[in-house]
Structure formats: C-alpha cells, structure tokens
C-alpha cells in the first residue's frame, strides 16, 4: 500500500539526514600564508 511506501521513505529520509550531517563536517585548518588576504592590510599610514 501507499502507507508502506510513505513510511519507508520517511525512515530512509531520517537515516540519510543523520548520516549526511555526520559526513558533512569536513574542513581544514587555516594556512596563514595562503589563506589570509595580506594585500588587504593596505594602505599602511
């Protein structure tokens, strides 16, 4: 029945969101040499 597919889809969405949230926390540390806009310090007065 339709209720079966709706329930199955809801369970799938619940678990896929939990997995997606855990896997989406990716990143890297800031490299102060290349990741900072050092030319933005100017003008110096």
ModelCIF file with pLDDT and N, C-alpha, C, O atoms, coordinates in Angstrom:
data_MODEL
#
_entry.id   MODEL 
#
_entity.id                         1 
_entity.type                       polymer 
_entity.pdbx_number_of_molecules   1 
#
_entity_poly.entity_id                      1 
_entity_poly.type                           'polypeptide(L)' 
_entity_poly.nstd_linkage                   no 
_entity_poly.nstd_monomer                   no 
_entity_poly.pdbx_seq_one_letter_code       
;(UNK)(UNK)(UNK)(UNK)(UNK)(UNK)(UNK)(UNK)(UNK)(UNK)(UNK)(UNK)(UNK)(UNK)(UNK)(UNK)
(UNK)(UNK)(UNK)(UNK)(UNK)(UNK)(UNK)(UNK)(UNK)(UNK)(UNK)(UNK)(UNK)(UNK)(UNK)(UNK)
(UNK)(UNK)(UNK)(UNK)(UNK)(UNK)(UNK)(UNK)(UNK)(UNK)(UNK)(UNK)(UNK)
;
_entity_poly.pdbx_seq_one_letter_code_can   XXXXXXXXXXXXXXXXXXXXXXXXXXXXXXXXXXXXXXXXXXXXX 
_entity_poly.pdbx_strand_id                 A 
#
loop_
_entity_poly_seq.entity_id 
_entity_poly_seq.num 
_entity_poly_seq.mon_id 
_entity_poly_seq.hetero 
1 1  UNK n 
1 2  UNK n 
1 3  UNK n 
1 4  UNK n 
1 5  UNK n 
1 6  UNK n 
1 7  UNK n 
1 8  UNK n 
1 9  UNK n 
1 10 UNK n 
1 11 UNK n 
1 12 UNK n 
1 13 UNK n 
1 14 UNK n 
1 15 UNK n 
1 16 UNK n 
1 17 UNK n 
1 18 UNK n 
1 19 UNK n 
1 20 UNK n 
1 21 UNK n 
1 22 UNK n 
1 23 UNK n 
1 24 UNK n 
1 25 UNK n 
1 26 UNK n 
1 27 UNK n 
1 28 UNK n 
1 29 UNK n 
1 30 UNK n 
1 31 UNK n 
1 32 UNK n 
1 33 UNK n 
1 34 UNK n 
1 35 UNK n 
1 36 UNK n 
1 37 UNK n 
1 38 UNK n 
1 39 UNK n 
1 40 UNK n 
1 41 UNK n 
1 42 UNK n 
1 43 UNK n 
1 44 UNK n 
1 45 UNK n 
#
_struct_asym.id          A 
_struct_asym.entity_id   1 
#
loop_
_ma_qa_metric.id 
_ma_qa_metric.mode 
_ma_qa_metric.name 
_ma_qa_metric.software_group_id 
_ma_qa_metric.type 
1 global pLDDT . pLDDT 
2 local  pLDDT . pLDDT 
#
_ma_qa_metric_global.metric_id      1 
_ma_qa_metric_global.metric_value   70.00 
_ma_qa_metric_global.model_id       1 
_ma_qa_metric_global.ordinal_id     1 
#
loop_
_ma_qa_metric_local.label_asym_id 
_ma_qa_metric_local.label_comp_id 
_ma_qa_metric_local.label_seq_id 
_ma_qa_metric_local.metric_id 
_ma_qa_metric_local.metric_value 
_ma_qa_metric_local.model_id 
_ma_qa_metric_local.ordinal_id 
A UNK 1  2 67.00 1 1  
A UNK 2  2 63.00 1 2  
A UNK 3  2 65.00 1 3  
A UNK 4  2 59.00 1 4  
A UNK 5  2 59.00 1 5  
A UNK 6  2 67.00 1 6  
A UNK 7  2 61.00 1 7  
A UNK 8  2 58.00 1 8  
A UNK 9  2 62.00 1 9  
A UNK 10 2 60.00 1 10 
A UNK 11 2 61.00 1 11 
A UNK 12 2 58.00 1 12 
A UNK 13 2 59.00 1 13 
A UNK 14 2 54.00 1 14 
A UNK 15 2 55.00 1 15 
A UNK 16 2 51.00 1 16 
A UNK 17 2 48.00 1 17 
A UNK 18 2 47.00 1 18 
A UNK 19 2 46.00 1 19 
A UNK 20 2 47.00 1 20 
A UNK 21 2 47.00 1 21 
A UNK 22 2 50.00 1 22 
A UNK 23 2 61.00 1 23 
A UNK 24 2 72.00 1 24 
A UNK 25 2 84.00 1 25 
A UNK 26 2 85.00 1 26 
A UNK 27 2 86.00 1 27 
A UNK 28 2 85.00 1 28 
A UNK 29 2 86.00 1 29 
A UNK 30 2 84.00 1 30 
A UNK 31 2 86.00 1 31 
A UNK 32 2 83.00 1 32 
A UNK 33 2 88.00 1 33 
A UNK 34 2 88.00 1 34 
A UNK 35 2 83.00 1 35 
A UNK 36 2 81.00 1 36 
A UNK 37 2 81.00 1 37 
A UNK 38 2 81.00 1 38 
A UNK 39 2 81.00 1 39 
A UNK 40 2 80.00 1 40 
A UNK 41 2 82.00 1 41 
A UNK 42 2 86.00 1 42 
A UNK 43 2 87.00 1 43 
A UNK 44 2 88.00 1 44 
A UNK 45 2 88.00 1 45 
#
loop_
_atom_site.group_PDB 
_atom_site.id 
_atom_site.type_symbol 
_atom_site.label_atom_id 
_atom_site.label_alt_id 
_atom_site.label_comp_id 
_atom_site.label_asym_id 
_atom_site.label_entity_id 
_atom_site.label_seq_id 
_atom_site.pdbx_PDB_ins_code 
_atom_site.Cartn_x 
_atom_site.Cartn_y 
_atom_site.Cartn_z 
_atom_site.occupancy 
_atom_site.B_iso_or_equiv 
_atom_site.pdbx_formal_charge 
_atom_site.auth_seq_id 
_atom_site.auth_comp_id 
_atom_site.auth_asym_id 
_atom_site.auth_atom_id 
_atom_site.pdbx_PDB_model_num 
ATOM 1   N N  . UNK A 1 1  ? 0.806  -1.213 0.000  1.00 67.00 ? 1  UNK A N  1 
ATOM 2   C CA . UNK A 1 1  ? 0.000  0.000  0.000  1.00 67.00 ? 1  UNK A CA 1 
ATOM 3   C C  . UNK A 1 1  ? 0.840  1.265  0.000  1.00 67.00 ? 1  UNK A C  1 
ATOM 4   O O  . UNK A 1 1  ? 2.057  1.231  0.184  1.00 67.00 ? 1  UNK A O  1 
ATOM 5   N N  . UNK A 1 2  ? 0.163  2.372  -0.210 1.00 63.00 ? 2  UNK A N  1 
ATOM 6   C CA . UNK A 1 2  ? 0.807  3.683  -0.248 1.00 63.00 ? 2  UNK A CA 1 
ATOM 7   C C  . UNK A 1 2  ? 1.414  4.050  1.105  1.00 63.00 ? 2  UNK A C  1 
ATOM 8   O O  . UNK A 1 2  ? 2.465  4.688  1.160  1.00 63.00 ? 2  UNK A O  1 
ATOM 9   N N  . UNK A 1 3  ? 0.752  3.648  2.203  1.00 65.00 ? 3  UNK A N  1 
ATOM 10  C CA . UNK A 1 3  ? 1.273  3.950  3.538  1.00 65.00 ? 3  UNK A CA 1 
ATOM 11  C C  . UNK A 1 3  ? 2.622  3.268  3.771  1.00 65.00 ? 3  UNK A C  1 
ATOM 12  O O  . UNK A 1 3  ? 3.489  3.817  4.451  1.00 65.00 ? 3  UNK A O  1 
ATOM 13  N N  . UNK A 1 4  ? 2.793  2.094  3.216  1.00 59.00 ? 4  UNK A N  1 
ATOM 14  C CA . UNK A 1 4  ? 4.056  1.378  3.355  1.00 59.00 ? 4  UNK A CA 1 
ATOM 15  C C  . UNK A 1 4  ? 5.187  2.173  2.710  1.00 59.00 ? 4  UNK A C  1 
ATOM 16  O O  . UNK A 1 4  ? 6.248  2.352  3.309  1.00 59.00 ? 4  UNK A O  1 
ATOM 17  N N  . UNK A 1 5  ? 4.956  2.649  1.484  1.00 59.00 ? 5  UNK A N  1 
ATOM 18  C CA . UNK A 1 5  ? 5.988  3.406  0.775  1.00 59.00 ? 5  UNK A CA 1 
ATOM 19  C C  . UNK A 1 5  ? 6.269  4.759  1.443  1.00 59.00 ? 5  UNK A C  1 
ATOM 20  O O  . UNK A 1 5  ? 7.421  5.193  1.482  1.00 59.00 ? 5  UNK A O  1 
ATOM 21  N N  . UNK A 1 6  ? 5.258  5.415  1.958  1.00 67.00 ? 6  UNK A N  1 
ATOM 22  C CA . UNK A 1 6  ? 5.453  6.675  2.658  1.00 67.00 ? 6  UNK A CA 1 
ATOM 23  C C  . UNK A 1 6  ? 6.270  6.446  3.938  1.00 67.00 ? 6  UNK A C  1 
ATOM 24  O O  . UNK A 1 6  ? 7.191  7.210  4.228  1.00 67.00 ? 6  UNK A O  1 
ATOM 25  N N  . UNK A 1 7  ? 5.940  5.409  4.694  1.00 61.00 ? 7  UNK A N  1 
ATOM 26  C CA . UNK A 1 7  ? 6.689  5.079  5.906  1.00 61.00 ? 7  UNK A CA 1 
ATOM 27  C C  . UNK A 1 7  ? 8.125  4.707  5.587  1.00 61.00 ? 7  UNK A C  1 
ATOM 28  O O  . UNK A 1 7  ? 9.048  5.144  6.275  1.00 61.00 ? 7  UNK A O  1 
ATOM 29  N N  . UNK A 1 8  ? 8.321  3.904  4.550  1.00 58.00 ? 8  UNK A N  1 
ATOM 30  C CA . UNK A 1 8  ? 9.668  3.517  4.146  1.00 58.00 ? 8  UNK A CA 1 
ATOM 31  C C  . UNK A 1 8  ? 10.477 4.734  3.701  1.00 58.00 ? 8  UNK A C  1 
ATOM 32  O O  . UNK A 1 8  ? 11.660 4.849  4.021  1.00 58.00 ? 8  UNK A O  1 
ATOM 33  N N  . UNK A 1 9  ? 9.840  5.637  2.965  1.00 62.00 ? 9  UNK A N  1 
ATOM 34  C CA . UNK A 1 9  ? 10.515 6.871  2.528  1.00 62.00 ? 9  UNK A CA 1 
ATOM 35  C C  . UNK A 1 9  ? 10.863 7.756  3.707  1.00 62.00 ? 9  UNK A C  1 
ATOM 36  O O  . UNK A 1 9  ? 11.939 8.355  3.722  1.00 62.00 ? 9  UNK A O  1 
ATOM 37  N N  . UNK A 1 10 ? 9.976  7.860  4.708  1.00 60.00 ? 10 UNK A N  1 
ATOM 38  C CA . UNK A 1 10 ? 10.253 8.663  5.897  1.00 60.00 ? 10 UNK A CA 1 
ATOM 39  C C  . UNK A 1 10 ? 11.435 8.122  6.680  1.00 60.00 ? 10 UNK A C  1 
ATOM 40  O O  . UNK A 1 10 ? 12.292 8.883  7.130  1.00 60.00 ? 10 UNK A O  1 
ATOM 41  N N  . UNK A 1 11 ? 11.479 6.795  6.844  1.00 61.00 ? 11 UNK A N  1 
ATOM 42  C CA . UNK A 1 11 ? 12.611 6.174  7.560  1.00 61.00 ? 11 UNK A CA 1 
ATOM 43  C C  . UNK A 1 11 ? 13.908 6.407  6.795  1.00 61.00 ? 11 UNK A C  1 
ATOM 44  O O  . UNK A 1 11 ? 14.940 6.713  7.392  1.00 61.00 ? 11 UNK A O  1 
ATOM 45  N N  . UNK A 1 12 ? 13.855 6.263  5.475  1.00 58.00 ? 12 UNK A N  1 
ATOM 46  C CA . UNK A 1 12 ? 15.040 6.481  4.660  1.00 58.00 ? 12 UNK A CA 1 
ATOM 47  C C  . UNK A 1 12 ? 15.533 7.930  4.794  1.00 58.00 ? 12 UNK A C  1 
ATOM 48  O O  . UNK A 1 12 ? 16.735 8.163  4.916  1.00 58.00 ? 12 UNK A O  1 
ATOM 49  N N  . UNK A 1 13 ? 14.612 8.899  4.773  1.00 59.00 ? 13 UNK A N  1 
ATOM 50  C CA . UNK A 1 13 ? 14.994 10.307 4.900  1.00 59.00 ? 13 UNK A CA 1 
ATOM 51  C C  . UNK A 1 13 ? 15.596 10.593 6.269  1.00 59.00 ? 13 UNK A C  1 
ATOM 52  O O  . UNK A 1 13 ? 16.552 11.361 6.375  1.00 59.00 ? 13 UNK A O  1 
ATOM 53  N N  . UNK A 1 14 ? 15.048 9.986  7.318  1.00 54.00 ? 14 UNK A N  1 
ATOM 54  C CA . UNK A 1 14 ? 15.560 10.188 8.671  1.00 54.00 ? 14 UNK A CA 1 
ATOM 55  C C  . UNK A 1 14 ? 17.001 9.716  8.785  1.00 54.00 ? 14 UNK A C  1 
ATOM 56  O O  . UNK A 1 14 ? 17.853 10.439 9.303  1.00 54.00 ? 14 UNK A O  1 
ATOM 57  N N  . UNK A 1 15 ? 17.278 8.519  8.309  1.00 55.00 ? 15 UNK A N  1 
ATOM 58  C CA . UNK A 1 15 ? 18.633 7.984  8.409  1.00 55.00 ? 15 UNK A CA 1 
ATOM 59  C C  . UNK A 1 15 ? 19.590 8.660  7.442  1.00 55.00 ? 15 UNK A C  1 
ATOM 60  O O  . UNK A 1 15 ? 20.768 8.816  7.765  1.00 55.00 ? 15 UNK A O  1 
ATOM 61  N N  . UNK A 1 16 ? 19.126 9.063  6.272  1.00 51.00 ? 16 UNK A N  1 
ATOM 62  C CA . UNK A 1 16 ? 20.026 9.725  5.322  1.00 51.00 ? 16 UNK A CA 1 
ATOM 63  C C  . UNK A 1 16 ? 20.408 11.112 5.831  1.00 51.00 ? 16 UNK A C  1 
ATOM 64  O O  . UNK A 1 16 ? 21.537 11.545 5.601  1.00 51.00 ? 16 UNK A O  1 
ATOM 65  N N  . UNK A 1 17 ? 19.508 11.829 6.517  1.00 48.00 ? 17 UNK A N  1 
ATOM 66  C CA . UNK A 1 17 ? 19.833 13.134 7.076  1.00 48.00 ? 17 UNK A CA 1 
ATOM 67  C C  . UNK A 1 17 ? 20.861 12.999 8.209  1.00 48.00 ? 17 UNK A C  1 
ATOM 68  O O  . UNK A 1 17 ? 21.778 13.814 8.314  1.00 48.00 ? 17 UNK A O  1 
ATOM 69  N N  . UNK A 1 18 ? 20.709 11.987 9.043  1.00 47.00 ? 18 UNK A N  1 
ATOM 70  C CA . UNK A 1 18 ? 21.653 11.768 10.139 1.00 47.00 ? 18 UNK A CA 1 
ATOM 71  C C  . UNK A 1 18 ? 23.031 11.440 9.592  1.00 47.00 ? 18 UNK A C  1 
ATOM 72  O O  . UNK A 1 18 ? 24.026 11.974 10.082 1.00 47.00 ? 18 UNK A O  1 
ATOM 73  N N  . UNK A 1 19 ? 23.111 10.595 8.611  1.00 46.00 ? 19 UNK A N  1 
ATOM 74  C CA . UNK A 1 19 ? 24.385 10.234 8.003  1.00 46.00 ? 19 UNK A CA 1 
ATOM 75  C C  . UNK A 1 19 ? 24.984 11.432 7.286  1.00 46.00 ? 19 UNK A C  1 
ATOM 76  O O  . UNK A 1 19 ? 26.193 11.653 7.355  1.00 46.00 ? 19 UNK A O  1 
ATOM 77  N N  . UNK A 1 20 ? 24.156 12.204 6.600  1.00 47.00 ? 20 UNK A N  1 
ATOM 78  C CA . UNK A 1 20 ? 24.640 13.356 5.875  1.00 47.00 ? 20 UNK A CA 1 
ATOM 79  C C  . UNK A 1 20 ? 25.219 14.396 6.830  1.00 47.00 ? 20 UNK A C  1 
ATOM 80  O O  . UNK A 1 20 ? 26.255 14.993 6.538  1.00 47.00 ? 20 UNK A O  1 
ATOM 81  N N  . UNK A 1 21 ? 24.564 14.619 7.967  1.00 47.00 ? 21 UNK A N  1 
ATOM 82  C CA . UNK A 1 21 ? 25.059 15.591 8.937  1.00 47.00 ? 21 UNK A CA 1 
ATOM 83  C C  . UNK A 1 21 ? 26.400 15.153 9.510  1.00 47.00 ? 21 UNK A C  1 
ATOM 84  O O  . UNK A 1 21 ? 27.281 15.986 9.723  1.00 47.00 ? 21 UNK A O  1 
ATOM 85  N N  . UNK A 1 22 ? 26.564 13.869 9.759  1.00 50.00 ? 22 UNK A N  1 
ATOM 86  C CA . UNK A 1 22 ? 27.831 13.377 10.319 1.00 50.00 ? 22 UNK A CA 1 
ATOM 87  C C  . UNK A 1 22 ? 28.950 13.453 9.290  1.00 50.00 ? 22 UNK A C  1 
ATOM 88  O O  . UNK A 1 22 ? 30.092 13.744 9.646  1.00 50.00 ? 22 UNK A O  1 
ATOM 89  N N  . UNK A 1 23 ? 28.642 13.196 8.015  1.00 61.00 ? 23 UNK A N  1 
ATOM 90  C CA . UNK A 1 23 ? 29.670 13.205 6.990  1.00 61.00 ? 23 UNK A CA 1 
ATOM 91  C C  . UNK A 1 23 ? 29.975 14.602 6.475  1.00 61.00 ? 23 UNK A C  1 
ATOM 92  O O  . UNK A 1 23 ? 31.040 14.815 5.896  1.00 61.00 ? 23 UNK A O  1 
ATOM 93  N N  . UNK A 1 24 ? 29.076 15.558 6.667  1.00 72.00 ? 24 UNK A N  1 
ATOM 94  C CA . UNK A 1 24 ? 29.279 16.875 6.084  1.00 72.00 ? 24 UNK A CA 1 
ATOM 95  C C  . UNK A 1 24 ? 30.206 17.759 6.912  1.00 72.00 ? 24 UNK A C  1 
ATOM 96  O O  . UNK A 1 24 ? 30.521 18.869 6.482  1.00 72.00 ? 24 UNK A O  1 
ATOM 97  N N  . UNK A 1 25 ? 30.649 17.317 8.066  1.00 84.00 ? 25 UNK A N  1 
ATOM 98  C CA . UNK A 1 25 ? 31.559 18.116 8.876  1.00 84.00 ? 25 UNK A CA 1 
ATOM 99  C C  . UNK A 1 25 ? 32.990 17.827 8.429  1.00 84.00 ? 25 UNK A C  1 
ATOM 100 O O  . UNK A 1 25 ? 33.703 17.025 9.032  1.00 84.00 ? 25 UNK A O  1 
ATOM 101 N N  . UNK A 1 26 ? 33.381 18.499 7.362  1.00 85.00 ? 26 UNK A N  1 
ATOM 102 C CA . UNK A 1 26 ? 34.721 18.355 6.826  1.00 85.00 ? 26 UNK A CA 1 
ATOM 103 C C  . UNK A 1 26 ? 35.329 19.735 6.714  1.00 85.00 ? 26 UNK A C  1 
ATOM 104 O O  . UNK A 1 26 ? 34.609 20.716 6.528  1.00 85.00 ? 26 UNK A O  1 
ATOM 105 N N  . UNK A 1 27 ? 36.609 19.825 6.822  1.00 86.00 ? 27 UNK A N  1 
ATOM 106 C CA . UNK A 1 27 ? 37.274 21.109 6.693  1.00 86.00 ? 27 UNK A CA 1 
ATOM 107 C C  . UNK A 1 27 ? 38.769 20.955 6.828  1.00 86.00 ? 27 UNK A C  1 
ATOM 108 O O  . UNK A 1 27 ? 39.303 19.847 6.884  1.00 86.00 ? 27 UNK A O  1 
ATOM 109 N N  . UNK A 1 28 ? 39.428 22.089 6.880  1.00 85.00 ? 28 UNK A N  1 
ATOM 110 C CA . UNK A 1 28 ? 40.877 22.079 7.054  1.00 85.00 ? 28 UNK A CA 1 
ATOM 111 C C  . UNK A 1 28 ? 41.262 23.306 7.854  1.00 85.00 ? 28 UNK A C  1 
ATOM 112 O O  . UNK A 1 28 ? 40.509 24.277 7.923  1.00 85.00 ? 28 UNK A O  1 
ATOM 113 N N  . UNK A 1 29 ? 42.436 23.257 8.455  1.00 86.00 ? 29 UNK A N  1 
ATOM 114 C CA . UNK A 1 29 ? 42.934 24.372 9.239  1.00 86.00 ? 29 UNK A CA 1 
ATOM 115 C C  . UNK A 1 29 ? 43.335 25.520 8.315  1.00 86.00 ? 29 UNK A C  1 
ATOM 116 O O  . UNK A 1 29 ? 43.694 25.302 7.157  1.00 86.00 ? 29 UNK A O  1 
ATOM 117 N N  . UNK A 1 30 ? 43.272 26.720 8.828  1.00 84.00 ? 30 UNK A N  1 
ATOM 118 C CA . UNK A 1 30 ? 43.645 27.903 8.065  1.00 84.00 ? 30 UNK A CA 1 
ATOM 119 C C  . UNK A 1 30 ? 45.163 27.949 7.888  1.00 84.00 ? 30 UNK A C  1 
ATOM 120 O O  . UNK A 1 30 ? 45.913 27.784 8.849  1.00 84.00 ? 30 UNK A O  1 
ATOM 121 N N  . UNK A 1 31 ? 45.604 28.173 6.655  1.00 86.00 ? 31 UNK A N  1 
ATOM 122 C CA . UNK A 1 31 ? 47.012 28.367 6.363  1.00 86.00 ? 31 UNK A CA 1 
ATOM 123 C C  . UNK A 1 31 ? 47.269 29.873 6.380  1.00 86.00 ? 31 UNK A C  1 
ATOM 124 O O  . UNK A 1 31 ? 46.786 30.577 5.494  1.00 86.00 ? 31 UNK A O  1 
ATOM 125 N N  . UNK A 1 32 ? 48.013 30.387 7.359  1.00 83.00 ? 32 UNK A N  1 
ATOM 126 C CA . UNK A 1 32 ? 48.189 31.837 7.453  1.00 83.00 ? 32 UNK A CA 1 
ATOM 127 C C  . UNK A 1 32 ? 48.983 32.441 6.300  1.00 83.00 ? 32 UNK A C  1 
ATOM 128 O O  . UNK A 1 32 ? 48.952 33.657 6.110  1.00 83.00 ? 32 UNK A O  1 
ATOM 129 N N  . UNK A 1 33 ? 49.685 31.630 5.535  1.00 88.00 ? 33 UNK A N  1 
ATOM 130 C CA . UNK A 1 33 ? 50.461 32.159 4.411  1.00 88.00 ? 33 UNK A CA 1 
ATOM 131 C C  . UNK A 1 33 ? 49.575 32.354 3.188  1.00 88.00 ? 33 UNK A C  1 
ATOM 132 O O  . UNK A 1 33 ? 49.635 33.403 2.547  1.00 88.00 ? 33 UNK A O  1 
ATOM 133 N N  . UNK A 1 34 ? 48.761 31.373 2.856  1.00 88.00 ? 34 UNK A N  1 
ATOM 134 C CA . UNK A 1 34 ? 47.995 31.428 1.609  1.00 88.00 ? 34 UNK A CA 1 
ATOM 135 C C  . UNK A 1 34 ? 46.525 31.796 1.795  1.00 88.00 ? 34 UNK A C  1 
ATOM 136 O O  . UNK A 1 34 ? 45.908 32.278 0.845  1.00 88.00 ? 34 UNK A O  1 
ATOM 137 N N  . UNK A 1 35 ? 45.938 31.593 2.969  1.00 83.00 ? 35 UNK A N  1 
ATOM 138 C CA . UNK A 1 35 ? 44.505 31.807 3.154  1.00 83.00 ? 35 UNK A CA 1 
ATOM 139 C C  . UNK A 1 35 ? 44.139 33.195 3.669  1.00 83.00 ? 35 UNK A C  1 
ATOM 140 O O  . UNK A 1 35 ? 42.956 33.534 3.709  1.00 83.00 ? 35 UNK A O  1 
ATOM 141 N N  . UNK A 1 36 ? 45.113 34.004 4.063  1.00 81.00 ? 36 UNK A N  1 
ATOM 142 C CA . UNK A 1 36 ? 44.846 35.354 4.550  1.00 81.00 ? 36 UNK A CA 1 
ATOM 143 C C  . UNK A 1 36 ? 45.148 36.341 3.431  1.00 81.00 ? 36 UNK A C  1 
ATOM 144 O O  . UNK A 1 36 ? 46.177 36.230 2.765  1.00 81.00 ? 36 UNK A O  1 
ATOM 145 N N  . UNK A 1 37 ? 44.267 37.295 3.222  1.00 81.00 ? 37 UNK A N  1 
ATOM 146 C CA . UNK A 1 37 ? 44.467 38.331 2.202  1.00 81.00 ? 37 UNK A CA 1 
ATOM 147 C C  . UNK A 1 37 ? 45.424 39.391 2.761  1.00 81.00 ? 37 UNK A C  1 
ATOM 148 O O  . UNK A 1 37 ? 44.998 40.379 3.360  1.00 81.00 ? 37 UNK A O  1 
ATOM 149 N N  . UNK A 1 38 ? 46.706 39.167 2.554  1.00 81.00 ? 38 UNK A N  1 
ATOM 150 C CA . UNK A 1 38 ? 47.698 40.085 3.105  1.00 81.00 ? 38 UNK A CA 1 
ATOM 151 C C  . UNK A 1 38 ? 47.701 41.412 2.369  1.00 81.00 ? 38 UNK A C  1 
ATOM 152 O O  . UNK A 1 38 ? 48.080 42.426 2.955  1.00 81.00 ? 38 UNK A O  1 
ATOM 153 N N  . UNK A 1 39 ? 47.291 41.447 1.104  1.00 81.00 ? 39 UNK A N  1 
ATOM 154 C CA . UNK A 1 39 ? 47.229 42.723 0.388  1.00 81.00 ? 39 UNK A CA 1 
ATOM 155 C C  . UNK A 1 39 ? 46.079 43.585 0.895  1.00 81.00 ? 39 UNK A C  1 
ATOM 156 O O  . UNK A 1 39 ? 46.031 44.783 0.614  1.00 81.00 ? 39 UNK A O  1 
ATOM 157 N N  . UNK A 1 40 ? 45.152 42.986 1.640  1.00 80.00 ? 40 UNK A N  1 
ATOM 158 C CA . UNK A 1 40 ? 44.034 43.743 2.206  1.00 80.00 ? 40 UNK A CA 1 
ATOM 159 C C  . UNK A 1 40 ? 44.459 44.568 3.417  1.00 80.00 ? 40 UNK A C  1 
ATOM 160 O O  . UNK A 1 40 ? 43.661 45.367 3.909  1.00 80.00 ? 40 UNK A O  1 
ATOM 161 N N  . UNK A 1 41 ? 45.682 44.407 3.913  1.00 82.00 ? 41 UNK A N  1 
ATOM 162 C CA . UNK A 1 41 ? 46.187 45.228 5.007  1.00 82.00 ? 41 UNK A CA 1 
ATOM 163 C C  . UNK A 1 41 ? 46.427 46.665 4.564  1.00 82.00 ? 41 UNK A C  1 
ATOM 164 O O  . UNK A 1 41 ? 46.410 47.588 5.379  1.00 82.00 ? 41 UNK A O  1 
ATOM 165 N N  . UNK A 1 42 ? 46.649 46.844 3.270  1.00 86.00 ? 42 UNK A N  1 
ATOM 166 C CA . UNK A 1 42 ? 46.988 48.162 2.745  1.00 86.00 ? 42 UNK A CA 1 
ATOM 167 C C  . UNK A 1 42 ? 45.749 49.003 2.571  1.00 86.00 ? 42 UNK A C  1 
ATOM 168 O O  . UNK A 1 42 ? 44.686 48.453 2.282  1.00 86.00 ? 42 UNK A O  1 
ATOM 169 N N  . UNK A 1 43 ? 45.832 50.294 2.729  1.00 87.00 ? 43 UNK A N  1 
ATOM 170 C CA . UNK A 1 43 ? 47.010 51.122 2.855  1.00 87.00 ? 43 UNK A CA 1 
ATOM 171 C C  . UNK A 1 43 ? 47.542 51.156 4.278  1.00 87.00 ? 43 UNK A C  1 
ATOM 172 O O  . UNK A 1 43 ? 46.785 51.055 5.244  1.00 87.00 ? 43 UNK A O  1 
ATOM 173 N N  . UNK A 1 44 ? 48.858 51.300 4.391  1.00 88.00 ? 44 UNK A N  1 
ATOM 174 C CA . UNK A 1 44 ? 49.504 51.498 5.684  1.00 88.00 ? 44 UNK A CA 1 
ATOM 175 C C  . UNK A 1 44 ? 49.914 52.967 5.751  1.00 88.00 ? 44 UNK A C  1 
ATOM 176 O O  . UNK A 1 44 ? 50.495 53.507 4.809  1.00 88.00 ? 44 UNK A O  1 
ATOM 177 N N  . UNK A 1 45 ? 49.607 53.596 6.866  1.00 88.00 ? 45 UNK A N  1 
ATOM 178 C CA . UNK A 1 45 ? 49.933 55.016 7.005  1.00 88.00 ? 45 UNK A CA 1 
ATOM 179 C C  . UNK A 1 45 ? 50.513 55.284 8.389  1.00 88.00 ? 45 UNK A C  1 
ATOM 180 O O  . UNK A 1 45 ? 50.853 56.424 8.706  1.00 88.00 ? 45 UNK A O  1 
#
